[in-house]
Amino acid sequence: MKPNFIGIGGQRCGTTWLSSCLRDHPEVCNSKRKEEHFFDHYYHKGYESYERSFESCSGSKVVGEFSTSYLYDYNAPKRVYRYNPDMKIIVCLRNPIERAYSQHLWHISLGYVSGKNLQFENALENNPMYIEQGLYYEHLKAWSGYFPLSSRLLVLIFEEMLRDPLPSIQSVYRFLEIDPCFIPDNVNRRINKAVLPKSRKLERLIHGSQILRTIGVGYLIDFAKSVGIKKAIQHLNYKDLPNVCELNNQTRKKLQKIFCDDNRELANLLNKDLSSWNE
């Protein structure tokens, strides 16, 4: 099967929620994994390798995947266009300050940062990608050069999706030319929230359900979900994030200056009011 849509990002902008809502739709088939990373990390393996991930999608009207790294990759737009010039591209964007802060919390939950870098101000110096990934205009301009806005490239705003999730997902369904009246199970659920596990080994086990399915005991995961055991275990394993990582007003104002020009260029490109991002 040859995919006909790709979600390209951005990171911490609601793509996990969007992917789950698409997966629920009876006319859509997603890849085995949410993120294939073919057009940036695994391009050298060839198209045949990529398309194996969609072998179960025979007969589906809409076939695709989400890889949040594609938005930021210099080569990805050209590679996707060469593969399928009719590909439909979906991108989710978020206030770049809130996106950076959310990524920081996510990295804390994964154990990527510790010590002084728990403080968001220090983390900004430690990981320049927090800022670079929020400079959407240059990234999106590269994609819109291959895939025209509206007809081939759909841009969603995270804050609008959060406020009105059903109209947002229905706009995606219309973009993909599938039944827009379908209501997905996850439409009002918040997914992939950053949390801090007490035990990282237990958290890895919970999220390692694909491994259990591979060895033939996936039914245990399905049973745990159905009776709420998985959710209960996760809840007991979570603890509060440290207060030291909070986003203060001084840092917010600093980031507003950094993102101001890029936000303005992006608003012009999209013909959209993004003034709230500078407040």
Protein backbone atom coordinates (compact mmCIF):
# COMPACT_ATOMS: atom_id res chain seq x y z
CA MET A 1 0.00 0.00 0.00
CA LYS A 2 1.15 3.50 -0.86
CA PRO A 3 0.22 6.12 1.78
CA ASN A 4 -1.70 9.19 0.62
CA PHE A 5 -1.42 11.37 3.74
CA ILE A 6 1.29 12.23 6.25
CA GLY A 7 1.13 14.15 9.51
CA ILE A 8 4.41 16.05 9.81
CA GLY A 9 4.25 17.60 13.28
CA GLY A 10 5.00 19.64 15.22
CA GLN A 11 6.17 18.01 18.39
CA ARG A 12 3.95 18.48 21.47
CA CYS A 13 1.24 20.03 19.27
CA GLY A 14 -1.54 17.44 19.54
CA THR A 15 -0.45 14.96 16.87
CA THR A 16 -0.95 11.93 19.14
CA TRP A 17 -4.58 12.96 19.73
CA LEU A 18 -5.08 13.64 16.03
CA SER A 19 -3.51 10.33 15.04
CA SER A 20 -5.80 8.44 17.43
CA CYS A 21 -8.89 10.20 16.02
CA LEU A 22 -7.84 9.24 12.50
CA ARG A 23 -7.12 5.68 13.58
CA ASP A 24 -10.70 5.44 14.88
CA HIS A 25 -12.20 6.39 11.50
CA PRO A 26 -13.37 3.32 9.52
CA GLU A 27 -12.06 4.74 6.22
CA VAL A 28 -8.54 5.36 7.55
CA CYS A 29 -5.65 2.97 8.06
CA ASN A 30 -2.55 4.15 9.91
CA SER A 31 0.87 2.55 9.80
CA LYS A 32 1.86 -0.10 12.33
CA ARG A 33 3.69 2.54 14.34
CA LYS A 34 2.51 6.12 14.82
CA GLU A 35 5.87 7.48 13.64
CA GLU A 36 7.73 5.81 10.79
CA HIS A 37 10.47 8.47 10.36
CA PHE A 38 11.10 7.13 6.87
CA PHE A 39 11.61 10.41 5.01
CA ASP A 40 14.27 11.60 7.44
CA HIS A 41 15.91 8.72 9.33
CA TYR A 42 15.24 5.62 7.20
CA TYR A 43 15.08 6.94 3.64
CA HIS A 44 18.13 4.87 2.73
CA LYS A 45 16.08 1.67 3.19
CA GLY A 46 13.94 2.38 0.12
CA TYR A 47 10.24 2.64 -0.64
CA GLU A 48 9.58 -1.09 -0.37
CA SER A 49 10.73 -1.09 3.24
CA TYR A 50 8.48 1.89 3.99
CA GLU A 51 5.41 0.38 2.38
CA ARG A 52 5.69 -2.81 4.41
CA SER A 53 4.38 -0.76 7.33
CA PHE A 54 1.08 -0.40 5.47
CA GLU A 55 0.60 -4.02 4.38
CA SER A 56 -2.51 -4.35 6.56
CA CYS A 57 -4.16 -1.33 4.88
CA SER A 58 -5.30 -3.06 1.68
CA GLY A 59 -8.70 -1.71 0.62
CA SER A 60 -8.59 1.39 2.85
CA LYS A 61 -9.51 4.70 1.26
CA VAL A 62 -7.01 6.76 3.27
CA VAL A 63 -3.61 5.43 4.35
CA GLY A 64 -0.92 7.31 6.23
CA GLU A 65 1.27 8.01 9.23
CA PHE A 66 2.46 10.75 11.58
CA SER A 67 6.14 11.56 12.08
CA THR A 68 6.69 14.80 13.98
CA SER A 69 10.33 15.02 12.91
CA TYR A 70 9.37 15.60 9.26
CA LEU A 71 8.37 19.23 9.82
CA TYR A 72 11.91 20.16 10.83
CA ASP A 73 13.87 18.08 8.34
CA TYR A 74 15.43 19.95 5.40
CA ASN A 75 15.19 17.00 2.98
CA ALA A 76 11.76 15.65 3.91
CA PRO A 77 9.55 17.96 1.75
CA LYS A 78 11.39 17.13 -1.47
CA ARG A 79 11.55 13.42 -0.64
CA VAL A 80 7.83 13.20 0.12
CA TYR A 81 7.01 15.07 -3.10
CA ARG A 82 9.18 12.72 -5.17
CA TYR A 83 7.48 9.75 -3.58
CA ASN A 84 3.92 11.05 -4.03
CA PRO A 85 3.28 14.58 -5.39
CA ASP A 86 -0.42 14.16 -4.52
CA MET A 87 0.32 13.44 -0.86
CA LYS A 88 -1.89 15.32 1.60
CA ILE A 89 0.06 16.90 4.45
CA ILE A 90 -1.32 17.67 7.91
CA VAL A 91 0.55 19.87 10.37
CA CYS A 92 -0.39 20.97 13.90
CA LEU A 93 1.13 24.13 15.36
CA ARG A 94 1.03 25.52 18.89
CA ASN A 95 2.03 28.72 20.64
CA PRO A 96 5.81 28.18 20.40
CA ILE A 97 6.37 29.21 24.02
CA GLU A 98 3.86 26.69 25.32
CA ARG A 99 5.21 24.09 22.89
CA ALA A 100 8.78 24.57 24.20
CA TYR A 101 7.63 24.37 27.80
CA SER A 102 5.55 21.25 27.10
CA GLN A 103 8.57 19.63 25.44
CA HIS A 104 10.63 20.44 28.53
CA LEU A 105 8.07 18.77 30.81
CA TRP A 106 8.00 15.79 28.47
CA HIS A 107 11.79 15.50 28.59
CA ILE A 108 11.66 15.58 32.39
CA SER A 109 9.12 12.77 32.38
CA LEU A 110 11.40 10.73 30.11
CA GLY A 111 14.43 11.36 32.31
CA TYR A 112 16.36 13.32 29.67
CA VAL A 113 17.11 16.25 31.98
CA SER A 114 18.05 16.49 35.64
CA GLY A 115 19.75 18.72 38.19
CA LYS A 116 20.04 22.37 37.22
CA ASN A 117 18.46 21.69 33.81
CA LEU A 118 15.13 20.96 35.48
CA GLN A 119 14.81 24.76 35.57
CA PHE A 120 13.25 25.80 32.28
CA GLU A 121 15.61 28.77 31.87
CA ASN A 122 18.64 26.46 32.08
CA ALA A 123 16.98 23.87 29.86
CA LEU A 124 16.60 26.47 27.09
CA GLU A 125 20.37 26.88 27.08
CA ASN A 126 20.94 23.14 27.34
CA ASN A 127 18.66 22.24 24.42
CA PRO A 128 18.45 24.83 21.59
CA MET A 129 15.86 22.65 19.82
CA TYR A 130 13.26 23.95 22.29
CA ILE A 131 13.41 27.25 20.40
CA GLU A 132 14.37 26.04 16.91
CA GLN A 133 11.36 23.75 16.67
CA GLY A 134 9.05 26.68 17.44
CA LEU A 135 10.30 28.79 14.51
CA TYR A 136 7.54 27.41 12.33
CA TYR A 137 7.63 29.84 9.42
CA GLU A 138 10.84 28.65 7.79
CA HIS A 139 9.89 25.01 8.23
CA LEU A 140 6.38 25.46 6.87
CA LYS A 141 7.54 27.64 3.98
CA ALA A 142 9.66 24.74 2.73
CA TRP A 143 6.69 22.38 2.81
CA SER A 144 4.27 24.86 1.19
CA GLY A 145 6.74 25.20 -1.69
CA TYR A 146 5.92 21.61 -2.67
CA PHE A 147 2.40 21.20 -1.29
CA PRO A 148 0.00 24.15 -1.72
CA LEU A 149 -1.83 25.36 1.36
CA SER A 150 -5.49 24.29 1.68
CA SER A 151 -5.49 21.87 -1.26
CA ARG A 152 -2.53 19.70 -0.19
CA LEU A 153 -1.39 21.17 3.13
CA LEU A 154 -3.73 21.55 6.09
CA VAL A 155 -2.55 23.61 9.07
CA LEU A 156 -4.26 23.11 12.43
CA ILE A 157 -3.76 25.26 15.52
CA PHE A 158 -3.44 23.37 18.80
CA GLU A 159 -5.32 25.96 20.85
CA GLU A 160 -8.28 25.76 18.47
CA MET A 161 -8.25 21.96 18.59
CA LEU A 162 -8.23 22.10 22.39
CA ARG A 163 -11.12 24.54 22.45
CA ASP A 164 -13.27 22.88 19.76
CA PRO A 165 -12.01 19.33 19.19
CA LEU A 166 -14.91 17.94 17.15
CA PRO A 167 -14.99 20.71 14.47
CA SER A 168 -11.19 20.44 14.26
CA ILE A 169 -11.12 16.71 13.59
CA GLN A 170 -14.05 17.02 11.18
CA SER A 171 -12.06 19.58 9.18
CA VAL A 172 -9.34 16.94 8.86
CA TYR A 173 -11.87 14.36 7.71
CA ARG A 174 -13.13 16.76 5.04
CA PHE A 175 -9.56 17.51 3.95
CA LEU A 176 -8.97 13.77 3.48
CA GLU A 177 -12.35 13.42 1.73
CA ILE A 178 -13.81 10.89 4.14
CA ASP A 179 -17.06 10.92 6.14
CA PRO A 180 -16.89 14.12 8.24
CA CYS A 181 -19.86 13.10 10.41
CA PHE A 182 -17.97 10.29 12.14
CA ILE A 183 -17.30 10.98 15.83
CA PRO A 184 -14.12 9.27 17.14
CA ASP A 185 -14.00 7.74 20.61
CA ASN A 186 -11.02 9.88 21.64
CA VAL A 187 -12.36 13.23 20.46
CA ASN A 188 -12.66 14.69 23.98
CA ARG A 189 -9.72 12.89 25.59
CA ARG A 190 -6.42 14.51 26.45
CA ILE A 191 -3.63 12.20 25.26
CA ASN A 192 0.12 12.10 25.88
CA LYS A 193 0.15 14.49 28.84
CA ALA A 194 3.59 14.96 30.39
CA VAL A 195 3.84 13.16 33.74
CA LEU A 196 6.66 12.07 36.02
CA PRO A 197 6.73 8.32 36.77
CA LYS A 198 7.84 7.00 40.15
CA SER A 199 9.24 3.92 38.43
CA ARG A 200 10.61 4.29 34.90
CA LYS A 201 10.85 0.51 34.53
CA LEU A 202 7.13 0.16 35.20
CA GLU A 203 6.35 2.99 32.80
CA ARG A 204 8.43 1.34 30.06
CA LEU A 205 6.59 -1.92 30.67
CA ILE A 206 3.19 -0.20 30.38
CA HIS A 207 4.17 1.53 27.15
CA GLY A 208 5.88 -1.59 25.83
CA SER A 209 2.57 -3.20 24.86
CA GLN A 210 3.77 -3.67 21.27
CA ILE A 211 6.44 -6.06 22.53
CA LEU A 212 3.79 -8.10 24.35
CA ARG A 213 1.69 -8.22 21.18
CA THR A 214 4.71 -9.41 19.23
CA ILE A 215 5.18 -12.40 21.54
CA GLY A 216 1.49 -13.28 21.35
CA VAL A 217 0.06 -12.03 24.66
CA GLY A 218 -1.47 -8.78 23.44
CA TYR A 219 -4.81 -9.97 24.81
CA LEU A 220 -3.49 -9.19 28.30
CA ILE A 221 -3.02 -5.53 27.31
CA ASP A 222 -6.52 -5.38 25.81
CA PHE A 223 -8.00 -6.92 28.97
CA ALA A 224 -6.10 -4.49 31.22
CA LYS A 225 -7.41 -1.57 29.17
CA SER A 226 -11.00 -2.81 29.12
CA VAL A 227 -11.29 -3.12 32.90
CA GLY A 228 -9.24 -0.01 33.70
CA ILE A 229 -6.24 -1.82 35.21
CA LYS A 230 -3.69 -0.15 32.94
CA LYS A 231 -5.02 3.34 33.71
CA ALA A 232 -5.11 2.63 37.46
CA ILE A 233 -1.50 1.36 37.48
CA GLN A 234 -0.32 4.40 35.53
CA HIS A 235 -2.12 6.76 37.92
CA LEU A 236 -0.50 5.15 40.95
CA ASN A 237 2.90 5.36 39.29
CA TYR A 238 2.72 9.13 38.65
CA LYS A 239 4.02 11.89 40.90
CA ASP A 240 3.91 15.67 40.66
CA LEU A 241 6.47 17.46 38.51
CA PRO A 242 8.92 19.57 40.57
CA ASN A 243 7.98 23.24 41.02
CA VAL A 244 11.48 24.28 39.96
CA CYS A 245 10.58 23.64 36.30
CA GLU A 246 7.80 26.27 36.15
CA LEU A 247 7.62 28.85 33.35
CA ASN A 248 7.95 32.34 34.87
CA ASN A 249 6.88 35.68 33.37
CA GLN A 250 10.44 36.88 32.76
CA THR A 251 11.24 33.85 30.65
CA ARG A 252 7.92 34.14 28.82
CA LYS A 253 8.68 37.75 27.84
CA LYS A 254 12.14 36.76 26.66
CA LEU A 255 10.65 34.05 24.43
CA GLN A 256 7.98 36.39 23.10
CA LYS A 257 10.74 38.59 21.67
CA ILE A 258 12.51 35.60 20.16
CA PHE A 259 9.39 34.27 18.43
CA CYS A 260 7.73 37.58 17.56
CA ASP A 261 9.05 38.02 13.99
CA ASP A 262 8.57 34.38 13.06
CA ASN A 263 4.99 34.44 14.39
CA ARG A 264 4.24 37.49 12.25
CA GLU A 265 5.64 35.86 9.09
CA LEU A 266 3.68 32.70 9.85
CA ALA A 267 0.44 34.65 10.35
CA ASN A 268 0.95 36.29 6.94
CA LEU A 269 1.65 32.94 5.28
CA LEU A 270 -1.46 31.36 6.76
CA ASN A 271 -3.57 34.55 6.58
CA LYS A 272 -4.48 33.86 10.19
CA ASP A 273 -4.60 35.90 13.38
CA LEU A 274 -1.93 34.55 15.75
CA SER A 275 -1.67 37.67 17.91
CA SER A 276 -2.54 35.69 21.05
CA TRP A 277 0.83 33.94 20.74
CA ASN A 278 2.56 37.26 21.44
CA GLU A 279 0.58 38.08 24.57
